[in-house]
């Protein structure tokens, strides 16, 4: 018996569909970069209506949901993206951020660790892992994670600031001051660093220096109630 030949796909139709999907995603991405979240989300949904397993549309749709404060939805969408592609470090980092907002700290830590395993020089993931370890009261591990972030990205002001917060909690006051001062040197408008440095200087009984630090925080952020207090 002669075998029946398989249908030959219409490659013109397939290519047009792929082009349409990529064009829709590009429009959504452009709107996303402009901060037009609702419009961007609408384009990502159009992509997913055509191609439900489109990794970038799932991932970015999840990011938009998180930016809109819809962390559960964002977590679910990014999880679907990861199911499509389990080798994208940025997706794991963003998944960790969503889980962290949902107070699922152990799961968030695991997600950041997966991001780091995929991309060992991922400074932001180390910083975010440090934040979760701080929430879990694993303070020494948090300090180590911030220091790893700093070793990868020496101008990472936020990591210096975050390390200062944990060092302050550990009562390593001089080290905390040094960490805040490094954050300030890198980002002179970081009002929180001036305020926290003032708190530590006050604990060290360096009252004039503490007052000057609070005043600098207020100069940067005139509505900074904590610094006035």
N, C-alpha and C. Protein backbone atom coordinates (compact mmCIF):
# COMPACT_ATOMS: atom_id res chain seq x y z
N UNK A 1 0.86 -1.20 0.00
CA UNK A 1 0.00 0.00 0.00
C UNK A 1 0.90 1.25 0.00
N UNK A 2 0.56 2.19 -0.84
CA UNK A 2 1.35 3.43 -0.90
C UNK A 2 1.08 4.28 0.35
N UNK A 3 2.15 4.90 0.85
CA UNK A 3 2.02 5.76 2.03
C UNK A 3 1.49 7.12 1.63
N UNK A 4 0.63 7.67 2.50
CA UNK A 4 0.10 9.02 2.26
C UNK A 4 1.13 10.05 2.69
N UNK A 5 1.40 11.00 1.87
CA UNK A 5 2.36 12.05 2.21
C UNK A 5 1.77 12.99 3.27
N UNK A 6 2.65 13.48 4.15
CA UNK A 6 2.21 14.45 5.17
C UNK A 6 1.94 15.80 4.53
N UNK A 7 0.97 16.55 5.08
CA UNK A 7 0.71 17.89 4.54
C UNK A 7 1.95 18.77 4.65
N UNK A 8 2.19 19.57 3.66
CA UNK A 8 3.32 20.51 3.68
C UNK A 8 2.82 21.82 4.30
N UNK A 9 3.49 22.29 5.37
CA UNK A 9 3.02 23.52 6.01
C UNK A 9 3.17 24.72 5.09
N UNK A 10 2.25 25.63 5.21
CA UNK A 10 2.31 26.87 4.45
C UNK A 10 3.25 27.82 5.20
N UNK A 11 4.52 27.84 4.78
CA UNK A 11 5.53 28.59 5.51
C UNK A 11 5.28 30.10 5.44
N UNK A 12 4.63 30.54 4.39
CA UNK A 12 4.31 31.98 4.29
C UNK A 12 3.38 32.40 5.42
N UNK A 13 2.37 31.56 5.70
CA UNK A 13 1.42 31.85 6.78
C UNK A 13 2.13 31.81 8.13
N UNK A 14 2.97 30.78 8.31
CA UNK A 14 3.71 30.65 9.58
C UNK A 14 4.59 31.86 9.80
N UNK A 15 5.32 32.27 8.79
CA UNK A 15 6.23 33.41 8.92
C UNK A 15 5.48 34.71 9.20
N UNK A 16 4.30 34.85 8.58
CA UNK A 16 3.48 36.05 8.83
C UNK A 16 3.00 36.08 10.28
N UNK A 17 2.65 34.91 10.79
CA UNK A 17 2.18 34.83 12.18
C UNK A 17 3.30 35.17 13.15
N UNK A 18 4.50 34.64 12.88
CA UNK A 18 5.66 34.95 13.73
C UNK A 18 5.97 36.44 13.68
N UNK A 19 5.91 37.01 12.49
CA UNK A 19 6.19 38.44 12.35
C UNK A 19 5.16 39.27 13.11
N UNK A 20 3.89 38.84 13.05
CA UNK A 20 2.83 39.55 13.77
C UNK A 20 3.07 39.49 15.27
N UNK A 21 3.44 38.31 15.79
CA UNK A 21 3.71 38.15 17.21
C UNK A 21 4.85 39.04 17.65
N UNK A 22 5.93 39.03 16.89
CA UNK A 22 7.10 39.83 17.27
C UNK A 22 6.81 41.32 17.18
N UNK A 23 5.99 41.73 16.21
CA UNK A 23 5.62 43.13 16.10
C UNK A 23 4.76 43.57 17.29
N UNK A 24 3.82 42.73 17.69
CA UNK A 24 2.98 43.04 18.85
C UNK A 24 3.82 43.13 20.12
N UNK A 25 4.76 42.19 20.26
CA UNK A 25 5.61 42.22 21.45
C UNK A 25 6.48 43.47 21.46
N UNK A 26 7.03 43.84 20.31
CA UNK A 26 7.87 45.03 20.23
C UNK A 26 7.08 46.29 20.61
N UNK A 27 5.82 46.36 20.17
CA UNK A 27 4.98 47.51 20.53
C UNK A 27 4.72 47.54 22.04
N UNK A 28 4.44 46.35 22.61
CA UNK A 28 4.23 46.26 24.05
C UNK A 28 5.47 46.65 24.83
N UNK A 29 6.62 46.20 24.36
CA UNK A 29 7.88 46.50 25.04
C UNK A 29 8.18 48.00 25.01
N UNK A 30 7.91 48.64 23.87
CA UNK A 30 8.13 50.08 23.76
C UNK A 30 7.24 50.85 24.74
N UNK A 31 5.98 50.46 24.82
CA UNK A 31 5.05 51.10 25.76
C UNK A 31 5.48 50.85 27.20
N UNK A 32 5.97 49.65 27.48
CA UNK A 32 6.44 49.30 28.82
C UNK A 32 7.59 50.22 29.22
N UNK A 33 8.54 50.41 28.31
CA UNK A 33 9.68 51.28 28.60
C UNK A 33 9.27 52.72 28.83
N UNK A 34 8.15 53.11 28.25
CA UNK A 34 7.63 54.47 28.46
C UNK A 34 6.80 54.59 29.74
N UNK A 35 6.65 53.46 30.46
CA UNK A 35 5.87 53.47 31.69
C UNK A 35 4.37 53.38 31.48
N UNK A 36 3.94 53.07 30.26
CA UNK A 36 2.51 52.94 29.96
C UNK A 36 2.10 51.49 30.18
N UNK A 37 1.90 51.15 31.45
CA UNK A 37 1.79 49.75 31.85
C UNK A 37 0.52 49.08 31.31
N UNK A 38 -0.61 49.74 31.43
CA UNK A 38 -1.87 49.13 30.97
C UNK A 38 -1.84 48.87 29.47
N UNK A 39 -1.31 49.85 28.70
CA UNK A 39 -1.24 49.66 27.25
C UNK A 39 -0.26 48.54 26.90
N UNK A 40 0.87 48.50 27.59
CA UNK A 40 1.86 47.44 27.35
C UNK A 40 1.24 46.07 27.63
N UNK A 41 0.53 45.99 28.76
CA UNK A 41 -0.08 44.71 29.13
C UNK A 41 -1.08 44.25 28.07
N UNK A 42 -1.79 45.18 27.47
CA UNK A 42 -2.75 44.82 26.43
C UNK A 42 -2.06 44.18 25.23
N UNK A 43 -0.90 44.71 24.86
CA UNK A 43 -0.15 44.12 23.74
C UNK A 43 0.43 42.77 24.11
N UNK A 44 0.93 42.63 25.35
CA UNK A 44 1.44 41.32 25.78
C UNK A 44 0.32 40.27 25.74
N UNK A 45 -0.88 40.67 26.11
CA UNK A 45 -2.02 39.74 26.08
C UNK A 45 -2.36 39.32 24.65
N UNK A 46 -2.23 40.27 23.71
CA UNK A 46 -2.47 39.94 22.30
C UNK A 46 -1.47 38.89 21.83
N UNK A 47 -0.22 39.04 22.26
CA UNK A 47 0.81 38.05 21.91
C UNK A 47 0.43 36.69 22.47
N UNK A 48 0.02 36.67 23.73
CA UNK A 48 -0.30 35.40 24.39
C UNK A 48 -1.57 34.76 23.84
N UNK A 49 -2.47 35.56 23.31
CA UNK A 49 -3.66 34.99 22.65
C UNK A 49 -3.28 34.21 21.40
N UNK A 50 -2.21 34.66 20.75
CA UNK A 50 -1.74 33.98 19.54
C UNK A 50 -0.78 32.85 19.89
N UNK A 51 0.11 33.14 20.85
CA UNK A 51 1.17 32.19 21.19
C UNK A 51 1.26 32.10 22.73
N UNK A 52 0.45 31.24 23.34
CA UNK A 52 0.33 31.21 24.81
C UNK A 52 1.64 30.89 25.55
N UNK A 53 2.62 30.29 24.87
CA UNK A 53 3.88 29.94 25.52
C UNK A 53 5.02 30.87 25.09
N UNK A 54 4.69 32.08 24.75
CA UNK A 54 5.71 33.07 24.37
C UNK A 54 6.42 33.53 25.65
N UNK A 55 7.68 33.13 25.78
CA UNK A 55 8.41 33.37 27.03
C UNK A 55 8.45 34.86 27.39
N UNK A 56 8.88 35.69 26.47
CA UNK A 56 9.07 37.11 26.79
C UNK A 56 7.75 37.78 27.15
N UNK A 57 6.68 37.43 26.45
CA UNK A 57 5.38 38.04 26.76
C UNK A 57 4.88 37.60 28.14
N UNK A 58 5.05 36.32 28.47
CA UNK A 58 4.69 35.85 29.81
C UNK A 58 5.51 36.56 30.89
N UNK A 59 6.81 36.61 30.66
CA UNK A 59 7.72 37.22 31.64
C UNK A 59 7.39 38.70 31.84
N UNK A 60 7.32 39.45 30.74
CA UNK A 60 7.09 40.88 30.85
C UNK A 60 5.67 41.20 31.34
N UNK A 61 4.72 40.36 30.99
CA UNK A 61 3.36 40.53 31.51
C UNK A 61 3.37 40.38 33.03
N UNK A 62 4.16 39.43 33.52
CA UNK A 62 4.31 39.25 34.96
C UNK A 62 4.99 40.44 35.62
N UNK A 63 5.99 40.98 34.95
CA UNK A 63 6.68 42.17 35.48
C UNK A 63 5.72 43.34 35.58
N UNK A 64 4.92 43.55 34.53
CA UNK A 64 3.93 44.64 34.55
C UNK A 64 2.94 44.44 35.70
N UNK A 65 2.46 43.22 35.87
CA UNK A 65 1.51 42.95 36.96
C UNK A 65 2.13 43.32 38.31
N UNK A 66 3.40 42.98 38.51
CA UNK A 66 4.07 43.34 39.77
C UNK A 66 4.19 44.85 39.91
N UNK A 67 4.52 45.53 38.81
CA UNK A 67 4.63 46.99 38.86
C UNK A 67 3.28 47.64 39.17
N UNK A 68 2.21 46.94 38.85
CA UNK A 68 0.86 47.44 39.17
C UNK A 68 0.41 47.01 40.57
N UNK A 69 1.28 46.33 41.30
CA UNK A 69 0.94 45.87 42.65
C UNK A 69 0.17 44.56 42.68
N UNK A 70 0.05 43.90 41.54
CA UNK A 70 -0.67 42.61 41.46
C UNK A 70 0.35 41.47 41.57
N UNK A 71 0.89 41.29 42.77
CA UNK A 71 2.05 40.41 42.93
C UNK A 71 1.71 38.93 42.74
N UNK A 72 0.51 38.52 43.15
CA UNK A 72 0.14 37.12 42.96
C UNK A 72 0.04 36.79 41.48
N UNK A 73 -0.62 37.66 40.73
CA UNK A 73 -0.73 37.47 39.28
C UNK A 73 0.65 37.50 38.64
N UNK A 74 1.45 38.46 39.05
CA UNK A 74 2.79 38.57 38.50
C UNK A 74 3.62 37.33 38.75
N UNK A 75 3.51 36.81 39.96
CA UNK A 75 4.23 35.59 40.34
C UNK A 75 3.80 34.42 39.45
N UNK A 76 2.51 34.30 39.22
CA UNK A 76 1.98 33.20 38.40
C UNK A 76 2.44 33.31 36.95
N UNK A 77 2.43 34.51 36.40
CA UNK A 77 2.84 34.70 35.00
C UNK A 77 4.34 34.44 34.83
N UNK A 78 5.15 34.93 35.76
CA UNK A 78 6.59 34.70 35.65
C UNK A 78 6.90 33.22 35.85
N UNK A 79 6.14 32.56 36.72
CA UNK A 79 6.31 31.12 36.91
C UNK A 79 6.02 30.36 35.60
N UNK A 80 5.00 30.78 34.88
CA UNK A 80 4.69 30.17 33.58
C UNK A 80 5.83 30.40 32.59
N UNK A 81 6.39 31.61 32.62
CA UNK A 81 7.53 31.90 31.74
C UNK A 81 8.70 30.99 32.05
N UNK A 82 8.98 30.80 33.34
CA UNK A 82 10.08 29.92 33.75
C UNK A 82 9.82 28.49 33.31
N UNK A 83 8.57 28.09 33.32
CA UNK A 83 8.24 26.73 32.86
C UNK A 83 8.58 26.56 31.38
N UNK A 84 8.46 27.65 30.62
CA UNK A 84 8.81 27.62 29.19
C UNK A 84 10.33 27.62 29.01
N UNK A 85 11.02 28.44 29.81
CA UNK A 85 12.48 28.55 29.70
C UNK A 85 13.07 28.59 31.11
N UNK A 86 13.71 27.50 31.51
CA UNK A 86 14.24 27.38 32.86
C UNK A 86 15.68 27.86 32.96
N UNK A 87 16.16 28.58 31.96
CA UNK A 87 17.56 29.01 31.95
C UNK A 87 17.73 30.52 31.85
N UNK A 88 16.73 31.25 32.29
CA UNK A 88 16.78 32.71 32.22
C UNK A 88 16.93 33.29 33.62
N UNK A 89 18.11 33.80 33.93
CA UNK A 89 18.40 34.29 35.28
C UNK A 89 17.52 35.47 35.66
N UNK A 90 17.23 36.36 34.71
CA UNK A 90 16.43 37.55 35.01
C UNK A 90 15.03 37.16 35.44
N UNK A 91 14.47 36.14 34.80
CA UNK A 91 13.12 35.68 35.17
C UNK A 91 13.11 35.15 36.60
N UNK A 92 14.13 34.40 36.98
CA UNK A 92 14.20 33.90 38.36
C UNK A 92 14.36 35.06 39.35
N UNK A 93 15.14 36.06 39.00
CA UNK A 93 15.29 37.22 39.88
C UNK A 93 13.96 37.94 40.05
N UNK A 94 13.24 38.16 38.95
CA UNK A 94 11.95 38.83 39.04
C UNK A 94 10.92 37.98 39.77
N UNK A 95 11.00 36.67 39.60
CA UNK A 95 10.13 35.76 40.35
C UNK A 95 10.41 35.91 41.84
N UNK A 96 11.69 36.01 42.19
CA UNK A 96 12.06 36.22 43.59
C UNK A 96 11.48 37.51 44.15
N UNK A 97 11.52 38.58 43.36
CA UNK A 97 10.97 39.86 43.81
C UNK A 97 9.47 39.75 44.09
N UNK A 98 8.76 39.04 43.20
CA UNK A 98 7.31 38.86 43.40
C UNK A 98 7.05 38.03 44.65
N UNK A 99 7.78 36.95 44.83
CA UNK A 99 7.62 36.10 46.02
C UNK A 99 7.94 36.87 47.30
N UNK A 100 8.95 37.73 47.22
CA UNK A 100 9.33 38.54 48.38
C UNK A 100 8.19 39.48 48.77
N UNK A 101 7.55 40.09 47.79
CA UNK A 101 6.42 40.97 48.07
C UNK A 101 5.26 40.19 48.70
N UNK A 102 5.15 38.91 48.36
CA UNK A 102 4.10 38.05 48.91
C UNK A 102 4.51 37.44 50.26
N UNK A 103 5.68 37.86 50.77
CA UNK A 103 6.21 37.40 52.07
C UNK A 103 6.58 35.92 52.06
N UNK A 104 6.80 35.37 50.88
CA UNK A 104 7.24 33.98 50.75
C UNK A 104 8.77 33.98 50.66
N UNK A 105 9.41 34.23 51.81
CA UNK A 105 10.84 34.54 51.80
C UNK A 105 11.72 33.35 51.46
N UNK A 106 11.37 32.17 51.93
CA UNK A 106 12.19 31.00 51.60
C UNK A 106 12.14 30.71 50.10
N UNK A 107 10.96 30.80 49.52
CA UNK A 107 10.82 30.57 48.08
C UNK A 107 11.54 31.65 47.29
N UNK A 108 11.47 32.88 47.78
CA UNK A 108 12.17 33.98 47.11
C UNK A 108 13.67 33.74 47.13
N UNK A 109 14.20 33.32 48.28
CA UNK A 109 15.63 33.03 48.39
C UNK A 109 16.04 31.95 47.39
N UNK A 110 15.23 30.91 47.27
CA UNK A 110 15.52 29.82 46.33
C UNK A 110 15.54 30.34 44.90
N UNK A 111 14.64 31.26 44.58
CA UNK A 111 14.59 31.81 43.22
C UNK A 111 15.82 32.67 42.93
N UNK A 112 16.23 33.49 43.90
CA UNK A 112 17.45 34.29 43.71
C UNK A 112 18.67 33.38 43.57
N UNK A 113 18.72 32.32 44.36
CA UNK A 113 19.85 31.40 44.28
C UNK A 113 19.91 30.72 42.92
N UNK A 114 18.74 30.43 42.34
CA UNK A 114 18.71 29.84 41.01
C UNK A 114 19.22 30.85 39.97
N UNK A 115 18.83 32.12 40.14
CA UNK A 115 19.32 33.17 39.23
C UNK A 115 20.85 33.25 39.30
N UNK A 116 21.38 33.18 40.51
CA UNK A 116 22.83 33.26 40.71
C UNK A 116 23.53 32.04 40.12
N UNK A 117 22.92 30.86 40.28
CA UNK A 117 23.51 29.64 39.71
C UNK A 117 23.62 29.76 38.19
N UNK A 118 22.61 30.39 37.57
CA UNK A 118 22.62 30.56 36.12
C UNK A 118 23.56 31.68 35.69
N UNK A 119 23.69 32.69 36.54
CA UNK A 119 24.52 33.86 36.19
C UNK A 119 25.31 34.28 37.42
N UNK A 120 26.48 33.70 37.63
CA UNK A 120 27.23 33.92 38.88
C UNK A 120 27.68 35.36 39.12
N UNK A 121 27.65 36.21 38.09
CA UNK A 121 28.04 37.61 38.28
C UNK A 121 26.83 38.54 38.38
N UNK A 122 25.70 38.00 38.81
CA UNK A 122 24.44 38.75 38.86
C UNK A 122 24.36 39.52 40.17
N UNK A 123 24.91 40.72 40.18
CA UNK A 123 25.01 41.51 41.41
C UNK A 123 23.65 41.81 42.01
N UNK A 124 22.67 42.13 41.17
CA UNK A 124 21.33 42.48 41.68
C UNK A 124 20.70 41.29 42.41
N UNK A 125 20.92 40.09 41.89
CA UNK A 125 20.35 38.91 42.55
C UNK A 125 21.00 38.68 43.92
N UNK A 126 22.30 38.92 44.02
CA UNK A 126 22.97 38.82 45.34
C UNK A 126 22.42 39.87 46.31
N UNK A 127 22.20 41.09 45.82
CA UNK A 127 21.62 42.13 46.66
C UNK A 127 20.23 41.75 47.14
N UNK A 128 19.40 41.26 46.21
CA UNK A 128 18.04 40.86 46.56
C UNK A 128 18.04 39.67 47.52
N UNK A 129 18.96 38.74 47.31
CA UNK A 129 19.09 37.61 48.23
C UNK A 129 19.46 38.11 49.62
N UNK A 130 20.34 39.09 49.68
CA UNK A 130 20.69 39.69 50.97
C UNK A 130 19.47 40.27 51.67
N UNK A 131 18.59 40.92 50.92
CA UNK A 131 17.37 41.49 51.52
C UNK A 131 16.48 40.41 52.11
N UNK A 132 16.35 39.28 51.40
CA UNK A 132 15.52 38.18 51.90
C UNK A 132 16.16 37.53 53.12
N UNK A 133 17.47 37.34 53.08
CA UNK A 133 18.17 36.77 54.24
C UNK A 133 18.02 37.67 55.46
N UNK A 134 17.99 38.98 55.23
CA UNK A 134 17.74 39.92 56.32
C UNK A 134 16.34 39.69 56.89
N UNK A 135 15.34 39.53 56.01
CA UNK A 135 13.98 39.26 56.46
C UNK A 135 13.91 37.97 57.27
N UNK A 136 14.73 36.99 56.88
CA UNK A 136 14.75 35.69 57.57
C UNK A 136 15.65 35.71 58.81
N UNK A 137 16.21 36.90 59.12
CA UNK A 137 17.08 37.09 60.29
C UNK A 137 18.38 36.29 60.19
N UNK A 138 18.79 35.99 58.96
CA UNK A 138 20.09 35.36 58.72
C UNK A 138 21.07 36.48 58.38
N UNK A 139 21.44 37.23 59.42
CA UNK A 139 22.09 38.52 59.21
C UNK A 139 23.50 38.39 58.65
N UNK A 140 24.28 37.47 59.19
CA UNK A 140 25.65 37.31 58.69
C UNK A 140 25.64 36.86 57.23
N UNK A 141 24.71 35.96 56.90
CA UNK A 141 24.59 35.51 55.50
C UNK A 141 24.16 36.67 54.61
N UNK A 142 23.30 37.55 55.14
CA UNK A 142 22.87 38.72 54.37
C UNK A 142 24.06 39.63 54.07
N UNK A 143 24.89 39.88 55.09
CA UNK A 143 26.08 40.71 54.89
C UNK A 143 26.97 40.10 53.81
N UNK A 144 27.17 38.79 53.87
CA UNK A 144 28.01 38.10 52.88
C UNK A 144 27.44 38.25 51.48
N UNK A 145 26.12 38.20 51.36
CA UNK A 145 25.49 38.33 50.05
C UNK A 145 25.65 39.75 49.50
N UNK A 146 25.48 40.76 50.35
CA UNK A 146 25.71 42.14 49.92
C UNK A 146 27.17 42.33 49.50
N UNK A 147 28.07 41.74 50.25
CA UNK A 147 29.49 41.91 49.92
C UNK A 147 29.83 41.24 48.59
N UNK A 148 29.15 40.14 48.31
CA UNK A 148 29.36 39.50 47.01
C UNK A 148 28.84 40.41 45.90
N UNK A 149 27.69 41.04 46.12
CA UNK A 149 27.16 41.99 45.13
C UNK A 149 28.15 43.13 44.90
N UNK A 150 28.71 43.64 45.98
CA UNK A 150 29.66 44.76 45.90
C UNK A 150 30.94 44.34 45.19
N UNK A 151 31.39 43.12 45.43
CA UNK A 151 32.62 42.65 44.77
C UNK A 151 32.44 42.56 43.25
N UNK A 152 31.21 42.25 42.83
CA UNK A 152 30.91 42.17 41.39
C UNK A 152 30.70 43.57 40.81
N UNK A 153 30.04 44.43 41.59
CA UNK A 153 29.66 45.76 41.11
C UNK A 153 30.08 46.80 42.16
N UNK A 154 31.33 47.23 42.13
CA UNK A 154 31.87 48.09 43.20
C UNK A 154 31.17 49.44 43.36
N UNK A 155 30.41 49.88 42.37
CA UNK A 155 29.70 51.16 42.48
C UNK A 155 28.23 50.98 42.82
N UNK A 156 27.90 49.86 43.48
CA UNK A 156 26.51 49.49 43.76
C UNK A 156 26.07 50.16 45.07
N UNK A 157 25.58 51.38 44.97
CA UNK A 157 25.23 52.17 46.15
C UNK A 157 24.19 51.49 47.02
N UNK A 158 23.17 50.90 46.39
CA UNK A 158 22.09 50.28 47.16
C UNK A 158 22.60 49.11 48.00
N UNK A 159 23.56 48.35 47.46
CA UNK A 159 24.11 47.22 48.22
C UNK A 159 24.91 47.72 49.43
N UNK A 160 25.65 48.82 49.27
CA UNK A 160 26.36 49.40 50.41
C UNK A 160 25.37 49.86 51.48
N UNK A 161 24.29 50.51 51.02
CA UNK A 161 23.26 50.97 51.96
C UNK A 161 22.63 49.79 52.69
N UNK A 162 22.24 48.77 51.93
CA UNK A 162 21.61 47.60 52.55
C UNK A 162 22.54 46.90 53.52
N UNK A 163 23.82 46.82 53.16
CA UNK A 163 24.80 46.22 54.08
C UNK A 163 24.88 47.06 55.36
N UNK A 164 24.83 48.38 55.22
CA UNK A 164 24.85 49.24 56.40
C UNK A 164 23.69 48.97 57.33
N UNK A 165 22.50 48.74 56.77
CA UNK A 165 21.31 48.45 57.59
C UNK A 165 21.53 47.20 58.43
N UNK A 166 22.07 46.15 57.82
CA UNK A 166 22.26 44.88 58.53
C UNK A 166 23.41 45.01 59.54
N UNK A 167 24.49 45.68 59.16
CA UNK A 167 25.59 45.91 60.11
C UNK A 167 25.12 46.71 61.31
N UNK A 168 24.23 47.66 61.07
CA UNK A 168 23.64 48.44 62.17
C UNK A 168 22.86 47.53 63.10
N UNK A 169 22.08 46.60 62.52
CA UNK A 169 21.31 45.68 63.33
C UNK A 169 22.21 44.74 64.13
N UNK A 170 23.36 44.41 63.55
CA UNK A 170 24.34 43.56 64.23
C UNK A 170 25.17 44.33 65.25
N UNK A 171 24.90 45.65 65.37
CA UNK A 171 25.62 46.54 66.30
C UNK A 171 27.09 46.69 65.94
N UNK A 172 27.41 46.48 64.68
CA UNK A 172 28.76 46.75 64.19
C UNK A 172 28.73 48.18 63.65
N UNK A 173 28.73 49.13 64.59
CA UNK A 173 28.35 50.50 64.28
C UNK A 173 29.35 51.22 63.39
N UNK A 174 30.63 51.10 63.69
CA UNK A 174 31.63 51.78 62.86
C UNK A 174 31.58 51.26 61.42
N UNK A 175 31.44 49.94 61.28
CA UNK A 175 31.34 49.35 59.94
C UNK A 175 30.08 49.83 59.23
N UNK A 176 28.98 49.98 59.98
CA UNK A 176 27.73 50.48 59.40
C UNK A 176 27.91 51.90 58.88
N UNK A 177 28.56 52.76 59.67
CA UNK A 177 28.82 54.14 59.23
C UNK A 177 29.63 54.13 57.94
N UNK A 178 30.67 53.32 57.90
CA UNK A 178 31.51 53.25 56.71
C UNK A 178 30.72 52.80 55.48
N UNK A 179 29.80 51.86 55.69
CA UNK A 179 29.00 51.37 54.57
C UNK A 179 28.03 52.44 54.08
N UNK A 180 27.40 53.16 55.01
CA UNK A 180 26.52 54.26 54.63
C UNK A 180 27.31 55.35 53.90
N UNK A 181 28.50 55.63 54.38
CA UNK A 181 29.29 56.70 53.76
C UNK A 181 29.72 56.32 52.34
N UNK A 182 29.98 55.05 52.13
CA UNK A 182 30.31 54.62 50.77
C UNK A 182 29.09 54.73 49.87
N UNK A 183 27.91 54.39 50.39
CA UNK A 183 26.67 54.55 49.63
C UNK A 183 26.45 56.01 49.26
N UNK A 184 26.70 56.91 50.21
CA UNK A 184 26.53 58.35 49.99
C UNK A 184 27.52 58.86 48.95
N UNK A 185 28.77 58.38 49.02
CA UNK A 185 29.77 58.81 48.05
C UNK A 185 29.36 58.43 46.62
N UNK A 186 28.72 57.27 46.50
CA UNK A 186 28.30 56.80 45.18
C UNK A 186 26.97 57.43 44.73
N UNK A 187 26.11 57.74 45.73
CA UNK A 187 24.79 58.29 45.41
C UNK A 187 24.48 59.41 46.41
N UNK A 188 24.98 60.61 46.14
CA UNK A 188 24.88 61.71 47.12
C UNK A 188 23.46 62.13 47.47
N UNK A 189 22.45 61.71 46.70
CA UNK A 189 21.07 62.09 47.00
C UNK A 189 20.31 60.98 47.73
N UNK A 190 21.02 60.00 48.31
CA UNK A 190 20.38 58.88 49.00
C UNK A 190 20.05 59.31 50.43
N UNK A 191 18.88 59.93 50.58
CA UNK A 191 18.49 60.52 51.87
C UNK A 191 18.46 59.48 52.99
N UNK A 192 18.01 58.25 52.68
CA UNK A 192 17.92 57.21 53.70
C UNK A 192 19.28 56.91 54.31
N UNK A 193 20.33 56.97 53.49
CA UNK A 193 21.67 56.69 53.99
C UNK A 193 22.12 57.77 54.97
N UNK A 194 21.81 59.04 54.67
CA UNK A 194 22.13 60.12 55.61
C UNK A 194 21.37 59.95 56.92
N UNK A 195 20.08 59.62 56.82
CA UNK A 195 19.27 59.44 58.02
C UNK A 195 19.81 58.30 58.89
N UNK A 196 20.07 57.15 58.26
CA UNK A 196 20.56 56.01 59.02
C UNK A 196 21.95 56.25 59.59
N UNK A 197 22.78 56.94 58.82
CA UNK A 197 24.10 57.30 59.36
C UNK A 197 23.93 58.18 60.59
N UNK A 198 22.96 59.09 60.55
CA UNK A 198 22.69 59.92 61.73
C UNK A 198 22.31 59.09 62.94
N UNK A 199 21.48 58.07 62.75
CA UNK A 199 21.07 57.19 63.85
C UNK A 199 22.27 56.50 64.46
N UNK A 200 23.17 55.99 63.60
CA UNK A 200 24.35 55.27 64.10
C UNK A 200 25.30 56.24 64.81
N UNK A 201 25.51 57.40 64.22
CA UNK A 201 26.37 58.40 64.86
C UNK A 201 25.81 58.82 66.22
N UNK A 202 24.50 58.89 66.32
CA UNK A 202 23.87 59.21 67.60
C UNK A 202 24.16 58.12 68.62
N UNK A 203 24.06 56.84 68.18
CA UNK A 203 24.39 55.73 69.08
C UNK A 203 25.85 55.78 69.52
N UNK A 204 26.70 56.30 68.65
CA UNK A 204 28.13 56.42 68.97
C UNK A 204 28.42 57.69 69.77
N UNK A 205 27.36 58.45 70.12
CA UNK A 205 27.47 59.69 70.91
C UNK A 205 28.17 60.81 70.14
N UNK A 206 28.17 60.73 68.83
CA UNK A 206 28.74 61.79 67.98
C UNK A 206 27.58 62.68 67.53
N UNK A 207 27.10 63.49 68.47
CA UNK A 207 25.81 64.15 68.28
C UNK A 207 25.82 65.24 67.22
N UNK A 208 26.91 66.03 67.16
CA UNK A 208 26.97 67.08 66.13
C UNK A 208 27.00 66.47 64.73
N UNK A 209 27.77 65.41 64.58
CA UNK A 209 27.84 64.74 63.29
C UNK A 209 26.50 64.11 62.94
N UNK A 210 25.80 63.57 63.96
CA UNK A 210 24.48 62.99 63.73
C UNK A 210 23.51 64.06 63.25
N UNK A 211 23.52 65.22 63.91
CA UNK A 211 22.61 66.30 63.53
C UNK A 211 22.88 66.75 62.09
N UNK A 212 24.15 66.85 61.74
CA UNK A 212 24.50 67.27 60.38
C UNK A 212 24.00 66.25 59.35
N UNK A 213 24.07 64.98 59.72
CA UNK A 213 23.62 63.93 58.80
C UNK A 213 22.09 63.99 58.62
N UNK A 214 21.36 64.19 59.73
CA UNK A 214 19.91 64.34 59.63
C UNK A 214 19.54 65.55 58.78
N UNK A 215 20.26 66.66 58.98
CA UNK A 215 19.97 67.88 58.24
C UNK A 215 20.20 67.70 56.75
N UNK A 216 21.21 66.91 56.41
CA UNK A 216 21.47 66.64 55.00
C UNK A 216 20.34 65.79 54.41
N UNK A 217 19.84 64.82 55.17
CA UNK A 217 18.71 64.00 54.72
C UNK A 217 17.49 64.88 54.44
N UNK A 218 17.24 65.85 55.34
CA UNK A 218 16.09 66.75 55.18
C UNK A 218 16.27 67.67 53.98
N UNK A 219 17.50 68.12 53.76
CA UNK A 219 17.76 68.99 52.61
C UNK A 219 17.45 68.27 51.30
N UNK A 220 17.73 66.97 51.27
CA UNK A 220 17.45 66.18 50.06
C UNK A 220 15.96 65.89 49.95
N UNK A 221 15.35 65.56 51.09
CA UNK A 221 13.92 65.20 51.11
C UNK A 221 13.21 66.02 52.18
N UNK A 222 12.71 67.20 51.82
CA UNK A 222 12.09 68.08 52.81
C UNK A 222 10.88 67.49 53.53
N UNK A 223 10.31 66.41 52.99
CA UNK A 223 9.15 65.78 53.63
C UNK A 223 9.55 64.52 54.42
N UNK A 224 10.82 64.39 54.77
CA UNK A 224 11.34 63.17 55.41
C UNK A 224 11.07 63.25 56.91
N UNK A 225 9.91 62.76 57.33
CA UNK A 225 9.47 62.88 58.73
C UNK A 225 10.43 62.21 59.71
N UNK A 226 10.95 61.04 59.35
CA UNK A 226 11.85 60.32 60.25
C UNK A 226 13.10 61.14 60.56
N UNK A 227 13.63 61.81 59.54
CA UNK A 227 14.83 62.62 59.75
C UNK A 227 14.55 63.81 60.65
N UNK A 228 13.37 64.46 60.48
CA UNK A 228 12.99 65.54 61.39
C UNK A 228 12.88 65.02 62.82
N UNK A 229 12.30 63.87 62.98
CA UNK A 229 12.13 63.28 64.31
C UNK A 229 13.47 63.02 64.95
